[in-house]
Amino acid sequence: MQNNYAQIISNIYADILSKENLGKVPDYIPEIACIDEDKFGVCFSDLKENNFGNGDF
């Protein structure tokens, strides 16, 4: 069975991106606190070192 991780990740990304952002960037980690809150990305790496992702990562 062949997995189509790229399509699965794209579907998840599109679904989540269409939702309202109710989260907030944590301010207790200085390196993360300065990141633009509008940035969003999804990335998946498998055991065969294949990487699949969408968005800002």
N, C-alpha and C. Protein backbone atom coordinates (compact mmCIF):
# COMPACT_ATOMS: atom_id res chain seq x y z
N MET A 1 0.84 -1.19 0.00
CA MET A 1 0.00 0.00 0.00
C MET A 1 0.88 1.25 0.00
N GLN A 2 0.63 2.14 -0.92
CA GLN A 2 1.41 3.37 -1.01
C GLN A 2 0.66 4.50 -0.31
N ASN A 3 1.36 5.22 0.54
CA ASN A 3 0.76 6.35 1.24
C ASN A 3 1.04 7.64 0.47
N ASN A 4 0.04 8.47 0.37
CA ASN A 4 0.21 9.75 -0.29
C ASN A 4 0.25 10.84 0.78
N TYR A 5 1.38 10.89 1.49
CA TYR A 5 1.52 11.84 2.59
C TYR A 5 1.40 13.28 2.12
N ALA A 6 1.92 13.60 0.97
CA ALA A 6 1.87 14.98 0.48
C ALA A 6 0.42 15.43 0.33
N GLN A 7 -0.45 14.58 -0.20
CA GLN A 7 -1.86 14.94 -0.36
C GLN A 7 -2.56 15.04 0.99
N ILE A 8 -2.24 14.13 1.90
CA ILE A 8 -2.83 14.16 3.23
C ILE A 8 -2.44 15.45 3.95
N ILE A 9 -1.15 15.81 3.91
CA ILE A 9 -0.68 17.03 4.56
C ILE A 9 -1.33 18.26 3.91
N SER A 10 -1.46 18.26 2.60
CA SER A 10 -2.11 19.38 1.91
C SER A 10 -3.56 19.53 2.35
N ASN A 11 -4.26 18.41 2.49
CA ASN A 11 -5.65 18.45 2.93
C ASN A 11 -5.77 18.98 4.36
N ILE A 12 -4.91 18.51 5.24
CA ILE A 12 -4.92 18.98 6.63
C ILE A 12 -4.62 20.47 6.68
N TYR A 13 -3.60 20.89 5.94
CA TYR A 13 -3.22 22.31 5.91
C TYR A 13 -4.39 23.17 5.44
N ALA A 14 -5.03 22.79 4.34
CA ALA A 14 -6.15 23.57 3.79
C ALA A 14 -7.31 23.63 4.77
N ASP A 15 -7.59 22.51 5.44
CA ASP A 15 -8.69 22.47 6.39
C ASP A 15 -8.42 23.39 7.58
N ILE A 16 -7.24 23.30 8.15
CA ILE A 16 -6.91 24.12 9.32
C ILE A 16 -6.79 25.59 8.94
N LEU A 17 -6.22 25.87 7.78
CA LEU A 17 -6.05 27.27 7.34
C LEU A 17 -7.39 27.97 7.17
N SER A 18 -8.44 27.22 6.85
CA SER A 18 -9.76 27.81 6.64
C SER A 18 -10.46 28.17 7.95
N LYS A 19 -9.92 27.74 9.07
CA LYS A 19 -10.53 28.00 10.39
C LYS A 19 -10.04 29.33 10.94
N GLU A 20 -10.81 29.89 11.86
CA GLU A 20 -10.42 31.12 12.53
C GLU A 20 -9.26 30.82 13.49
N ASN A 21 -8.26 31.69 13.51
CA ASN A 21 -7.12 31.52 14.41
C ASN A 21 -7.48 32.05 15.78
N LEU A 22 -7.68 31.13 16.72
CA LEU A 22 -8.03 31.52 18.08
C LEU A 22 -6.84 31.41 19.03
N GLY A 23 -5.72 30.94 18.50
CA GLY A 23 -4.54 30.75 19.33
C GLY A 23 -3.75 32.03 19.52
N LYS A 24 -2.71 31.93 20.33
CA LYS A 24 -1.84 33.06 20.58
C LYS A 24 -0.40 32.55 20.66
N VAL A 25 0.51 33.35 20.16
CA VAL A 25 1.93 32.99 20.20
C VAL A 25 2.39 33.03 21.66
N PRO A 26 3.02 31.97 22.16
CA PRO A 26 3.47 31.98 23.56
C PRO A 26 4.54 33.06 23.76
N ASP A 27 4.42 33.77 24.86
CA ASP A 27 5.38 34.85 25.12
C ASP A 27 6.44 34.47 26.15
N TYR A 28 6.36 33.26 26.67
CA TYR A 28 7.33 32.82 27.68
C TYR A 28 8.60 32.23 27.06
N ILE A 29 8.62 32.09 25.74
CA ILE A 29 9.83 31.66 25.03
C ILE A 29 10.21 32.79 24.08
N PRO A 30 11.24 33.56 24.41
CA PRO A 30 11.57 34.76 23.63
C PRO A 30 11.73 34.53 22.13
N GLU A 31 12.33 33.41 21.74
CA GLU A 31 12.55 33.14 20.31
C GLU A 31 11.24 32.94 19.57
N ILE A 32 10.25 32.39 20.25
CA ILE A 32 8.95 32.16 19.63
C ILE A 32 8.08 33.40 19.72
N ALA A 33 8.22 34.17 20.78
CA ALA A 33 7.39 35.35 21.01
C ALA A 33 7.49 36.38 19.88
N CYS A 34 8.60 36.41 19.17
CA CYS A 34 8.78 37.41 18.12
C CYS A 34 8.32 36.92 16.74
N ILE A 35 7.78 35.72 16.66
CA ILE A 35 7.32 35.17 15.38
C ILE A 35 5.96 35.76 15.03
N ASP A 36 5.77 36.08 13.76
CA ASP A 36 4.50 36.62 13.26
C ASP A 36 3.38 35.62 13.52
N GLU A 37 2.33 36.07 14.20
CA GLU A 37 1.24 35.17 14.57
C GLU A 37 0.42 34.69 13.37
N ASP A 38 0.60 35.30 12.21
CA ASP A 38 -0.11 34.87 11.01
C ASP A 38 0.60 33.76 10.26
N LYS A 39 1.79 33.40 10.70
CA LYS A 39 2.52 32.31 10.04
C LYS A 39 1.96 30.97 10.52
N PHE A 40 1.87 30.02 9.58
CA PHE A 40 1.35 28.70 9.90
C PHE A 40 1.92 27.69 8.92
N GLY A 41 2.33 26.56 9.41
CA GLY A 41 2.85 25.51 8.55
C GLY A 41 2.64 24.14 9.15
N VAL A 42 2.62 23.14 8.28
CA VAL A 42 2.48 21.75 8.68
C VAL A 42 3.59 20.98 7.98
N CYS A 43 4.30 20.15 8.73
CA CYS A 43 5.37 19.36 8.14
C CYS A 43 5.36 17.96 8.76
N PHE A 44 5.63 16.97 7.91
CA PHE A 44 5.68 15.58 8.35
C PHE A 44 6.94 14.94 7.77
N SER A 45 7.68 14.23 8.61
CA SER A 45 8.86 13.47 8.16
C SER A 45 8.65 12.01 8.53
N ASP A 46 8.88 11.12 7.57
CA ASP A 46 8.71 9.71 7.86
C ASP A 46 10.05 9.05 8.18
N LEU A 47 10.00 7.78 8.50
CA LEU A 47 11.22 7.06 8.89
C LEU A 47 12.18 6.83 7.73
N LYS A 48 11.72 7.03 6.50
CA LYS A 48 12.58 6.90 5.33
C LYS A 48 13.18 8.24 4.92
N GLU A 49 13.06 9.23 5.81
CA GLU A 49 13.60 10.57 5.62
C GLU A 49 12.94 11.35 4.48
N ASN A 50 11.68 11.01 4.19
CA ASN A 50 10.90 11.80 3.25
C ASN A 50 10.22 12.91 4.04
N ASN A 51 10.19 14.10 3.47
CA ASN A 51 9.57 15.25 4.15
C ASN A 51 8.44 15.79 3.29
N PHE A 52 7.35 16.11 3.95
CA PHE A 52 6.17 16.64 3.27
C PHE A 52 5.69 17.84 4.08
N GLY A 53 5.43 18.96 3.43
CA GLY A 53 4.97 20.11 4.18
C GLY A 53 4.30 21.15 3.31
N ASN A 54 3.55 22.01 3.99
CA ASN A 54 2.88 23.15 3.36
C ASN A 54 2.94 24.34 4.30
N GLY A 55 2.97 25.51 3.73
CA GLY A 55 2.89 26.72 4.54
C GLY A 55 4.23 27.27 4.94
N ASP A 56 4.22 27.95 6.08
CA ASP A 56 5.41 28.63 6.59
C ASP A 56 6.14 27.70 7.55
N PHE A 57 7.21 27.07 7.11
CA PHE A 57 8.00 26.20 8.00
C PHE A 57 9.44 26.25 7.61
